[in-house]
Amino acid sequence: MKREFQPAVYIVANRRNGAIYTGVTSDLVQRIWQHREGVADGFTKQYGCKMLVWYESHSTMEYAILREKQIKGGPRRRKLELIEQANLKWRGLYAEICA
């Protein structure tokens, strides 16, 4: 079965209040799998950011990219607030998006 693509903005972390990374993708399940497996070099691999702690779906990739830029341009405090508003305990959300 072919999976439908859904633009999304997401935040992965290495632990609660640790290193965080904000990204955008058209296939959240595949992208988080890549972070978890460490298949791509970069910040997330270097700092062990493998745990999906926040995500937001969008109707178009254009909107998702605009939202990613907005989040990345803001202070770290705002990113932590986004995570904790939806995921106070910083639990990993990968199983939720695979269901």
PDB file of N, CA and C in Angstrom:
ATOM      1  N   MET A   1       0.847  -1.184   0.000  1.00  0.00           N
ATOM      2  CA  MET A   1       0.000   0.000   0.000  1.00  0.00           C
ATOM      3  C   MET A   1       0.889   1.243   0.000  1.00  0.00           C
ATOM      4  N   LYS A   2       0.553   2.196  -0.847  1.00  0.00           N
ATOM      5  CA  LYS A   2       1.321   3.429  -0.941  1.00  0.00           C
ATOM      6  C   LYS A   2       0.882   4.394   0.154  1.00  0.00           C
ATOM      7  N   ARG A   3       1.878   4.952   0.857  1.00  0.00           N
ATOM      8  CA  ARG A   3       1.589   5.888   1.940  1.00  0.00           C
ATOM      9  C   ARG A   3       1.361   7.281   1.359  1.00  0.00           C
ATOM     10  N   GLU A   4       0.357   7.973   1.863  1.00  0.00           N
ATOM     11  CA  GLU A   4       0.115   9.347   1.438  1.00  0.00           C
ATOM     12  C   GLU A   4       1.114  10.270   2.109  1.00  0.00           C
ATOM     13  N   PHE A   5       1.531  11.276   1.382  1.00  0.00           N
ATOM     14  CA  PHE A   5       2.462  12.239   1.950  1.00  0.00           C
ATOM     15  C   PHE A   5       1.691  13.355   2.628  1.00  0.00           C
ATOM     16  N   GLN A   6       2.191  13.754   3.788  1.00  0.00           N
ATOM     17  CA  GLN A   6       1.553  14.788   4.591  1.00  0.00           C
ATOM     18  C   GLN A   6       2.633  15.740   5.078  1.00  0.00           C
ATOM     19  N   PRO A   7       2.672  16.967   4.558  1.00  0.00           N
ATOM     20  CA  PRO A   7       3.675  17.923   5.037  1.00  0.00           C
ATOM     21  C   PRO A   7       3.559  18.126   6.550  1.00  0.00           C
ATOM     22  N   ALA A   8       4.710  18.171   7.207  1.00  0.00           N
ATOM     23  CA  ALA A   8       4.716  18.331   8.662  1.00  0.00           C
ATOM     24  C   ALA A   8       5.990  19.029   9.117  1.00  0.00           C
ATOM     25  N   VAL A   9       5.864  19.729  10.224  1.00  0.00           N
ATOM     26  CA  VAL A   9       7.001  20.311  10.935  1.00  0.00           C
ATOM     27  C   VAL A   9       7.149  19.473  12.192  1.00  0.00           C
ATOM     28  N   TYR A  10       8.376  19.239  12.623  1.00  0.00           N
ATOM     29  CA  TYR A  10       8.591  18.368  13.772  1.00  0.00           C
ATOM     30  C   TYR A  10       9.783  18.827  14.591  1.00  0.00           C
ATOM     31  N   ILE A  11       9.818  18.358  15.830  1.00  0.00           N
ATOM     32  CA  ILE A  11      10.977  18.586  16.707  1.00  0.00           C
ATOM     33  C   ILE A  11      11.398  17.240  17.264  1.00  0.00           C
ATOM     34  N   VAL A  12      12.694  16.954  17.130  1.00  0.00           N
ATOM     35  CA  VAL A  12      13.282  15.765  17.745  1.00  0.00           C
ATOM     36  C   VAL A  12      14.262  16.227  18.818  1.00  0.00           C
ATOM     37  N   ALA A  13      14.443  15.386  19.830  1.00  0.00           N
ATOM     38  CA  ALA A  13      15.325  15.720  20.955  1.00  0.00           C
ATOM     39  C   ALA A  13      16.161  14.510  21.341  1.00  0.00           C
ATOM     40  N   ASN A  14      17.245  14.767  22.071  1.00  0.00           N
ATOM     41  CA  ASN A  14      18.045  13.646  22.576  1.00  0.00           C
ATOM     42  C   ASN A  14      17.621  13.254  23.997  1.00  0.00           C
ATOM     43  N   ARG A  15      16.959  14.162  24.703  1.00  0.00           N
ATOM     44  CA  ARG A  15      16.420  13.893  26.036  1.00  0.00           C
ATOM     45  C   ARG A  15      15.604  15.119  26.451  1.00  0.00           C
ATOM     46  N   ARG A  16      14.896  15.017  27.539  1.00  0.00           N
ATOM     47  CA  ARG A  16      14.117  16.161  28.036  1.00  0.00           C
ATOM     48  C   ARG A  16      15.043  17.356  28.282  1.00  0.00           C
ATOM     49  N   ASN A  17      14.677  18.496  27.738  1.00  0.00           N
ATOM     50  CA  ASN A  17      15.426  19.749  27.864  1.00  0.00           C
ATOM     51  C   ASN A  17      16.851  19.662  27.333  1.00  0.00           C
ATOM     52  N   GLY A  18      17.125  18.676  26.480  1.00  0.00           N
ATOM     53  CA  GLY A  18      18.454  18.529  25.888  1.00  0.00           C
ATOM     54  C   GLY A  18      18.530  19.216  24.533  1.00  0.00           C
ATOM     55  N   ALA A  19      19.345  18.656  23.673  1.00  0.00           N
ATOM     56  CA  ALA A  19      19.480  19.190  22.317  1.00  0.00           C
ATOM     57  C   ALA A  19      18.185  18.926  21.557  1.00  0.00           C
ATOM     58  N   ILE A  20      17.738  19.929  20.787  1.00  0.00           N
ATOM     59  CA  ILE A  20      16.529  19.778  19.974  1.00  0.00           C
ATOM     60  C   ILE A  20      16.813  20.233  18.554  1.00  0.00           C
ATOM     61  N   TYR A  21      16.079  19.654  17.627  1.00  0.00           N
ATOM     62  CA  TYR A  21      16.206  19.994  16.210  1.00  0.00           C
ATOM     63  C   TYR A  21      14.816  20.140  15.630  1.00  0.00           C
ATOM     64  N   THR A  22      14.601  21.195  14.872  1.00  0.00           N
ATOM     65  CA  THR A  22      13.335  21.434  14.195  1.00  0.00           C
ATOM     66  C   THR A  22      13.527  21.174  12.709  1.00  0.00           C
ATOM     67  N   GLY A  23      12.621  20.408  12.124  1.00  0.00           N
ATOM     68  CA  GLY A  23      12.721  20.093  10.700  1.00  0.00           C
ATOM     69  C   GLY A  23      11.366  20.092  10.030  1.00  0.00           C
ATOM     70  N   VAL A  24      11.389  19.899   8.700  1.00  0.00           N
ATOM     71  CA  VAL A  24      10.173  19.835   7.900  1.00  0.00           C
ATOM     72  C   VAL A  24      10.307  18.654   6.948  1.00  0.00           C
ATOM     73  N   THR A  25       9.187  18.011   6.650  1.00  0.00           N
ATOM     74  CA  THR A  25       9.212  16.832   5.786  1.00  0.00           C
ATOM     75  C   THR A  25       7.850  16.623   5.143  1.00  0.00           C
ATOM     76  N   SER A  26       7.838  15.838   4.083  1.00  0.00           N
ATOM     77  CA  SER A  26       6.562  15.445   3.478  1.00  0.00           C
ATOM     78  C   SER A  26       6.184  14.028   3.900  1.00  0.00           C
ATOM     79  N   ASP A  27       7.090  13.337   4.610  1.00  0.00           N
ATOM     80  CA  ASP A  27       6.843  11.970   5.062  1.00  0.00           C
ATOM     81  C   ASP A  27       7.422  11.820   6.469  1.00  0.00           C
ATOM     82  N   LEU A  28       6.615  12.140   7.465  1.00  0.00           N
ATOM     83  CA  LEU A  28       7.077  12.181   8.853  1.00  0.00           C
ATOM     84  C   LEU A  28       7.560  10.818   9.352  1.00  0.00           C
ATOM     85  N   VAL A  29       6.853   9.765   9.032  1.00  0.00           N
ATOM     86  CA  VAL A  29       7.241   8.436   9.504  1.00  0.00           C
ATOM     87  C   VAL A  29       8.641   8.088   8.987  1.00  0.00           C
ATOM     88  N   GLN A  30       8.860   8.259   7.695  1.00  0.00           N
ATOM     89  CA  GLN A  30      10.157   7.949   7.099  1.00  0.00           C
ATOM     90  C   GLN A  30      11.258   8.834   7.676  1.00  0.00           C
ATOM     91  N   ARG A  31      10.974  10.124   7.829  1.00  0.00           N
ATOM     92  CA  ARG A  31      12.000  11.052   8.307  1.00  0.00           C
ATOM     93  C   ARG A  31      12.407  10.732   9.746  1.00  0.00           C
ATOM     94  N   ILE A  32      11.446  10.451  10.594  1.00  0.00           N
ATOM     95  CA  ILE A  32      11.783  10.132  11.983  1.00  0.00           C
ATOM     96  C   ILE A  32      12.522   8.809  12.050  1.00  0.00           C
ATOM     97  N   TRP A  33      12.154   7.842  11.212  1.00  0.00           N
ATOM     98  CA  TRP A  33      12.912   6.596  11.140  1.00  0.00           C
ATOM     99  C   TRP A  33      14.379   6.894  10.811  1.00  0.00           C
ATOM    100  N   GLN A  34      14.612   7.797   9.858  1.00  0.00           N
ATOM    101  CA  GLN A  34      15.984   8.172   9.485  1.00  0.00           C
ATOM    102  C   GLN A  34      16.735   8.776  10.668  1.00  0.00           C
ATOM    103  N   HIS A  35      16.071   9.641  11.424  1.00  0.00           N
ATOM    104  CA  HIS A  35      16.712  10.220  12.617  1.00  0.00           C
ATOM    105  C   HIS A  35      17.020   9.122  13.637  1.00  0.00           C
ATOM    106  N   ARG A  36      16.075   8.242  13.876  1.00  0.00           N
ATOM    107  CA  ARG A  36      16.248   7.169  14.869  1.00  0.00           C
ATOM    108  C   ARG A  36      17.394   6.224  14.491  1.00  0.00           C
ATOM    109  N   GLU A  37      17.536   5.961  13.210  1.00  0.00           N
ATOM    110  CA  GLU A  37      18.574   5.047  12.733  1.00  0.00           C
ATOM    111  C   GLU A  37      19.915   5.735  12.498  1.00  0.00           C
ATOM    112  N   GLY A  38      19.929   7.066  12.522  1.00  0.00           N
ATOM    113  CA  GLY A  38      21.169   7.815  12.306  1.00  0.00           C
ATOM    114  C   GLY A  38      21.733   7.667  10.907  1.00  0.00           C
ATOM    115  N   VAL A  39      20.853   7.548   9.900  1.00  0.00           N
ATOM    116  CA  VAL A  39      21.319   7.316   8.533  1.00  0.00           C
ATOM    117  C   VAL A  39      21.827   8.575   7.830  1.00  0.00           C
ATOM    118  N   ALA A  40      21.498   9.737   8.334  1.00  0.00           N
ATOM    119  CA  ALA A  40      21.951  10.982   7.709  1.00  0.00           C
ATOM    120  C   ALA A  40      22.896  11.719   8.643  1.00  0.00           C
ATOM    121  N   ASP A  41      24.033  12.115   8.108  1.00  0.00           N
ATOM    122  CA  ASP A  41      24.972  12.896   8.905  1.00  0.00           C
ATOM    123  C   ASP A  41      24.389  14.276   9.180  1.00  0.00           C
ATOM    124  N   GLY A  42      24.817  14.880  10.263  1.00  0.00           N
ATOM    125  CA  GLY A  42      24.346  16.216  10.584  1.00  0.00           C
ATOM    126  C   GLY A  42      24.111  16.379  12.069  1.00  0.00           C
ATOM    127  N   PHE A  43      23.421  17.458  12.408  1.00  0.00           N
ATOM    128  CA  PHE A  43      23.176  17.824  13.807  1.00  0.00           C
ATOM    129  C   PHE A  43      22.511  16.702  14.591  1.00  0.00           C
ATOM    130  N   THR A  44      21.440  16.131  14.028  1.00  0.00           N
ATOM    131  CA  THR A  44      20.692  15.139  14.793  1.00  0.00           C
ATOM    132  C   THR A  44      21.519  13.887  15.066  1.00  0.00           C
ATOM    133  N   LYS A  45      22.337  13.491  14.126  1.00  0.00           N
ATOM    134  CA  LYS A  45      23.203  12.331  14.349  1.00  0.00           C
ATOM    135  C   LYS A  45      24.293  12.664  15.363  1.00  0.00           C
ATOM    136  N   GLN A  46      24.892  13.848  15.217  1.00  0.00           N
ATOM    137  CA  GLN A  46      25.971  14.269  16.118  1.00  0.00           C
ATOM    138  C   GLN A  46      25.495  14.347  17.566  1.00  0.00           C
ATOM    139  N   TYR A  47      24.283  14.856  17.779  1.00  0.00           N
ATOM    140  CA  TYR A  47      23.780  15.070  19.139  1.00  0.00           C
ATOM    141  C   TYR A  47      22.790  13.993  19.600  1.00  0.00           C
ATOM    142  N   GLY A  48      22.568  12.988  18.786  1.00  0.00           N
ATOM    143  CA  GLY A  48      21.689  11.892  19.193  1.00  0.00           C
ATOM    144  C   GLY A  48      20.226  12.264  19.315  1.00  0.00           C
ATOM    145  N   CYS A  49      19.769  13.188  18.498  1.00  0.00           N
ATOM    146  CA  CYS A  49      18.353  13.602  18.524  1.00  0.00           C
ATOM    147  C   CYS A  49      17.528  12.579  17.751  1.00  0.00           C
ATOM    148  N   LYS A  50      16.975  11.618  18.470  1.00  0.00           N
ATOM    149  CA  LYS A  50      16.247  10.506  17.855  1.00  0.00           C
ATOM    150  C   LYS A  50      14.799  10.425  18.290  1.00  0.00           C
ATOM    151  N   MET A  51      14.417  11.210  19.277  1.00  0.00           N
ATOM    152  CA  MET A  51      13.089  11.095  19.868  1.00  0.00           C
ATOM    153  C   MET A  51      12.165  12.204  19.348  1.00  0.00           C
ATOM    154  N   LEU A  52      11.109  11.803  18.643  1.00  0.00           N
ATOM    155  CA  LEU A  52      10.102  12.758  18.178  1.00  0.00           C
ATOM    156  C   LEU A  52       9.310  13.222  19.394  1.00  0.00           C
ATOM    157  N   VAL A  53       9.350  14.542  19.672  1.00  0.00           N
ATOM    158  CA  VAL A  53       8.640  15.061  20.846  1.00  0.00           C
ATOM    159  C   VAL A  53       7.520  16.036  20.485  1.00  0.00           C
ATOM    160  N   TRP A  54       7.475  16.468  19.218  1.00  0.00           N
ATOM    161  CA  TRP A  54       6.424  17.402  18.789  1.00  0.00           C
ATOM    162  C   TRP A  54       6.319  17.361  17.277  1.00  0.00           C
ATOM    163  N   TYR A  55       5.111  17.479  16.768  1.00  0.00           N
ATOM    164  CA  TYR A  55       4.920  17.619  15.322  1.00  0.00           C
ATOM    165  C   TYR A  55       3.607  18.324  15.045  1.00  0.00           C
ATOM    166  N   GLU A  56       3.518  18.855  13.835  1.00  0.00           N
ATOM    167  CA  GLU A  56       2.340  19.603  13.416  1.00  0.00           C
ATOM    168  C   GLU A  56       2.163  19.354  11.920  1.00  0.00           C
ATOM    169  N   SER A  57       1.003  18.865  11.514  1.00  0.00           N
ATOM    170  CA  SER A  57       0.717  18.601  10.104  1.00  0.00           C
ATOM    171  C   SER A  57       0.215  19.864   9.425  1.00  0.00           C
ATOM    172  N   HIS A  58       0.483  19.958   8.120  1.00  0.00           N
ATOM    173  CA  HIS A  58       0.055  21.127   7.334  1.00  0.00           C
ATOM    174  C   HIS A  58      -0.559  20.678   6.021  1.00  0.00           C
ATOM    175  N   SER A  59      -1.386  21.530   5.457  1.00  0.00           N
ATOM    176  CA  SER A  59      -2.082  21.188   4.215  1.00  0.00           C
ATOM    177  C   SER A  59      -1.165  21.236   2.998  1.00  0.00           C
ATOM    178  N   THR A  60      -0.143  22.088   3.034  1.00  0.00           N
ATOM    179  CA  THR A  60       0.793  22.175   1.910  1.00  0.00           C
ATOM    180  C   THR A  60       2.222  22.254   2.433  1.00  0.00           C
ATOM    181  N   MET A  61       3.146  21.891   1.580  1.00  0.00           N
ATOM    182  CA  MET A  61       4.557  21.975   1.951  1.00  0.00           C
ATOM    183  C   MET A  61       4.952  23.441   2.150  1.00  0.00           C
ATOM    184  N   GLU A  62       4.374  24.322   1.374  1.00  0.00           N
ATOM    185  CA  GLU A  62       4.671  25.751   1.513  1.00  0.00           C
ATOM    186  C   GLU A  62       4.354  26.237   2.934  1.00  0.00           C
ATOM    187  N   TYR A  63       3.182  25.865   3.439  1.00  0.00           N
ATOM    188  CA  TYR A  63       2.807  26.252   4.806  1.00  0.00           C
ATOM    189  C   TYR A  63       3.739  25.621   5.838  1.00  0.00           C
ATOM    190  N   ALA A  64       4.098  24.360   5.608  1.00  0.00           N
ATOM    191  CA  ALA A  64       4.991  23.671   6.541  1.00  0.00           C
ATOM    192  C   ALA A  64       6.352  24.353   6.592  1.00  0.00           C
ATOM    193  N   ILE A  65       6.874  24.744   5.446  1.00  0.00           N
ATOM    194  CA  ILE A  65       8.181  25.422   5.392  1.00  0.00           C
ATOM    195  C   ILE A  65       8.118  26.776   6.081  1.00  0.00           C
ATOM    196  N   LEU A  66       7.038  27.514   5.857  1.00  0.00           N
ATOM    197  CA  LEU A  66       6.880  28.813   6.532  1.00  0.00           C
ATOM    198  C   LEU A  66       6.840  28.642   8.048  1.00  0.00           C
ATOM    199  N   ARG A  67       6.118  27.617   8.508  1.00  0.00           N
ATOM    200  CA  ARG A  67       6.021  27.361   9.952  1.00  0.00           C
ATOM    201  C   ARG A  67       7.370  26.931  10.524  1.00  0.00           C
ATOM    202  N   GLU A  68       8.106  26.096   9.788  1.00  0.00           N
ATOM    203  CA  GLU A  68       9.432  25.679  10.237  1.00  0.00           C
ATOM    204  C   GLU A  68      10.338  26.902  10.411  1.00  0.00           C
ATOM    205  N   LYS A  69      10.312  27.806   9.447  1.00  0.00           N
ATOM    206  CA  LYS A  69      11.145  29.017   9.534  1.00  0.00           C
ATOM    207  C   LYS A  69      10.741  29.867  10.725  1.00  0.00           C
ATOM    208  N   GLN A  70       9.434  29.957  10.972  1.00  0.00           N
ATOM    209  CA  GLN A  70       8.942  30.723  12.120  1.00  0.00           C
ATOM    210  C   GLN A  70       9.461  30.122  13.426  1.00  0.00           C
ATOM    211  N   ILE A  71       9.369  28.819  13.544  1.00  0.00           N
ATOM    212  CA  ILE A  71       9.817  28.142  14.766  1.00  0.00           C
ATOM    213  C   ILE A  71      11.326  28.252  14.920  1.00  0.00           C
ATOM    214  N   LYS A  72      12.070  27.970  13.853  1.00  0.00           N
ATOM    215  CA  LYS A  72      13.535  28.036  13.920  1.00  0.00           C
ATOM    216  C   LYS A  72      14.021  29.443  14.245  1.00  0.00           C
ATOM    217  N   GLY A  73      13.277  30.455  13.795  1.00  0.00           N
ATOM    218  CA  GLY A  73      13.669  31.842  14.027  1.00  0.00           C
ATOM    219  C   GLY A  73      13.377  32.345  15.425  1.00  0.00           C
ATOM    220  N   GLY A  74      12.604  31.576  16.168  1.00  0.00           N
ATOM    221  CA  GLY A  74      12.227  31.993  17.515  1.00  0.00           C
ATOM    222  C   GLY A  74      13.214  31.504  18.558  1.00  0.00           C
ATOM    223  N   PRO A  75      13.039  31.958  19.774  1.00  0.00           N
ATOM    224  CA  PRO A  75      13.940  31.548  20.859  1.00  0.00           C
ATOM    225  C   PRO A  75      13.718  30.097  21.275  1.00  0.00           C
ATOM    226  N   ARG A  76      14.722  29.496  21.855  1.00  0.00           N
ATOM    227  CA  ARG A  76      14.645  28.123  22.346  1.00  0.00           C
ATOM    228  C   ARG A  76      13.477  27.971  23.321  1.00  0.00           C
ATOM    229  N   ARG A  77      13.267  28.953  24.163  1.00  0.00           N
ATOM    230  CA  ARG A  77      12.178  28.928  25.143  1.00  0.00           C
ATOM    231  C   ARG A  77      10.836  28.658  24.453  1.00  0.00           C
ATOM    232  N   ARG A  78      10.619  29.258  23.312  1.00  0.00           N
ATOM    233  CA  ARG A  78       9.354  29.071  22.587  1.00  0.00           C
ATOM    234  C   ARG A  78       9.232  27.637  22.070  1.00  0.00           C
ATOM    235  N   LYS A  79      10.326  27.047  21.624  1.00  0.00           N
ATOM    236  CA  LYS A  79      10.312  25.656  21.156  1.00  0.00           C
ATOM    237  C   LYS A  79       9.975  24.719  22.322  1.00  0.00           C
ATOM    238  N   LEU A  80      10.567  24.983  23.473  1.00  0.00           N
ATOM    239  CA  LEU A  80      10.282  24.166  24.653  1.00  0.00           C
ATOM    240  C   LEU A  80       8.815  24.293  25.052  1.00  0.00           C
ATOM    241  N   GLU A  81       8.259  25.499  24.938  1.00  0.00           N
ATOM    242  CA  GLU A  81       6.837  25.706  25.246  1.00  0.00           C
ATOM    243  C   GLU A  81       5.947  24.916  24.287  1.00  0.00           C
ATOM    244  N   LEU A  82       6.294  24.907  22.990  1.00  0.00           N
ATOM    245  CA  LEU A  82       5.518  24.137  22.012  1.00  0.00           C
ATOM    246  C   LEU A  82       5.487  22.663  22.398  1.00  0.00           C
ATOM    247  N   ILE A  83       6.664  22.138  22.732  1.00  0.00           N
ATOM    248  CA  ILE A  83       6.760  20.731  23.115  1.00  0.00           C
ATOM    249  C   ILE A  83       5.900  20.467  24.344  1.00  0.00           C
ATOM    250  N   GLU A  84       6.077  21.258  25.387  1.00  0.00           N
ATOM    251  CA  GLU A  84       5.421  20.980  26.664  1.00  0.00           C
ATOM    252  C   GLU A  84       3.920  21.251  26.650  1.00  0.00           C
ATOM    253  N   GLN A  85       3.451  22.110  25.747  1.00  0.00           N
ATOM    254  CA  GLN A  85       2.002  22.322  25.635  1.00  0.00           C
ATOM    255  C   GLN A  85       1.313  21.056  25.133  1.00  0.00           C
ATOM    256  N   ALA A  86       1.976  20.332  24.247  1.00  0.00           N
ATOM    257  CA  ALA A  86       1.380  19.137  23.658  1.00  0.00           C
ATOM    258  C   ALA A  86       1.899  17.835  24.263  1.00  0.00           C
ATOM    259  N   ASN A  87       3.070  17.894  24.904  1.00  0.00           N
ATOM    260  CA  ASN A  87       3.745  16.676  25.342  1.00  0.00           C
ATOM    261  C   ASN A  87       4.536  16.967  26.613  1.00  0.00           C
ATOM    262  N   LEU A  88       3.830  17.239  27.675  1.00  0.00           N
ATOM    263  CA  LEU A  88       4.441  17.681  28.932  1.00  0.00           C
ATOM    264  C   LEU A  88       5.544  16.749  29.430  1.00  0.00           C
ATOM    265  N   LYS A  89       5.359  15.454  29.257  1.00  0.00           N
ATOM    266  CA  LYS A  89       6.339  14.486  29.769  1.00  0.00           C
ATOM    267  C   LYS A  89       7.444  14.153  28.768  1.00  0.00           C
ATOM    268  N   TRP A  90       7.428  14.800  27.612  1.00  0.00           N
ATOM    269  CA  TRP A  90       8.445  14.573  26.577  1.00  0.00           C
ATOM    270  C   TRP A  90       8.515  13.094  26.189  1.00  0.00           C
ATOM    271  N   ARG A  91       7.376  12.465  26.046  1.00  0.00           N
ATOM    272  CA  ARG A  91       7.410  11.063  25.631  1.00  0.00           C
ATOM    273  C   ARG A  91       7.660  10.985  24.129  1.00  0.00           C
ATOM    274  N   GLY A  92       8.262   9.903  23.691  1.00  0.00           N
ATOM    275  CA  GLY A  92       8.512   9.697  22.273  1.00  0.00           C
ATOM    276  C   GLY A  92       7.206   9.445  21.535  1.00  0.00           C
ATOM    277  N   LEU A  93       7.011  10.106  20.410  1.00  0.00           N
ATOM    278  CA  LEU A  93       5.746  10.037  19.680  1.00  0.00           C
ATOM    279  C   LEU A  93       5.821   9.175  18.424  1.00  0.00           C
ATOM    280  N   TYR A  94       6.941   8.505  18.214  1.00  0.00           N
ATOM    281  CA  TYR A  94       7.115   7.724  16.978  1.00  0.00           C
ATOM    282  C   TYR A  94       6.027   6.655  16.830  1.00  0.00           C
ATOM    283  N   ALA A  95       5.743   5.916  17.878  1.00  0.00           N
ATOM    284  CA  ALA A  95       4.711   4.858  17.795  1.00  0.00           C
ATOM    285  C   ALA A  95       3.360   5.448  17.428  1.00  0.00           C
ATOM    286  N   GLU A  96       3.087   6.648  17.904  1.00  0.00           N
ATOM    287  CA  GLU A  96       1.815   7.325  17.618  1.00  0.00           C
ATOM    288  C   GLU A  96       1.666   7.602  16.120  1.00  0.00           C
ATOM    289  N   ILE A  97       2.733   8.035  15.458  1.00  0.00           N
ATOM    290  CA  ILE A  97       2.613   8.372  14.032  1.00  0.00           C
ATOM    291  C   ILE A  97       2.674   7.132  13.149  1.00  0.00           C
ATOM    292  N   CYS A  98       3.151   6.022  13.691  1.00  0.00           N
ATOM    293  CA  CYS A  98       3.209   4.770  12.916  1.00  0.00           C
ATOM    294  C   CYS A  98       1.900   4.004  12.957  1.00  0.00           C
ATOM    295  N   ALA A  99       1.040   4.345  13.883  1.00  0.00           N
ATOM    296  CA  ALA A  99      -0.224   3.610  14.068  1.00  0.00           C
ATOM    297  C   ALA A  99      -1.194   3.838  12.931  1.00  0.00           C
TER     298      ALA A  99
END
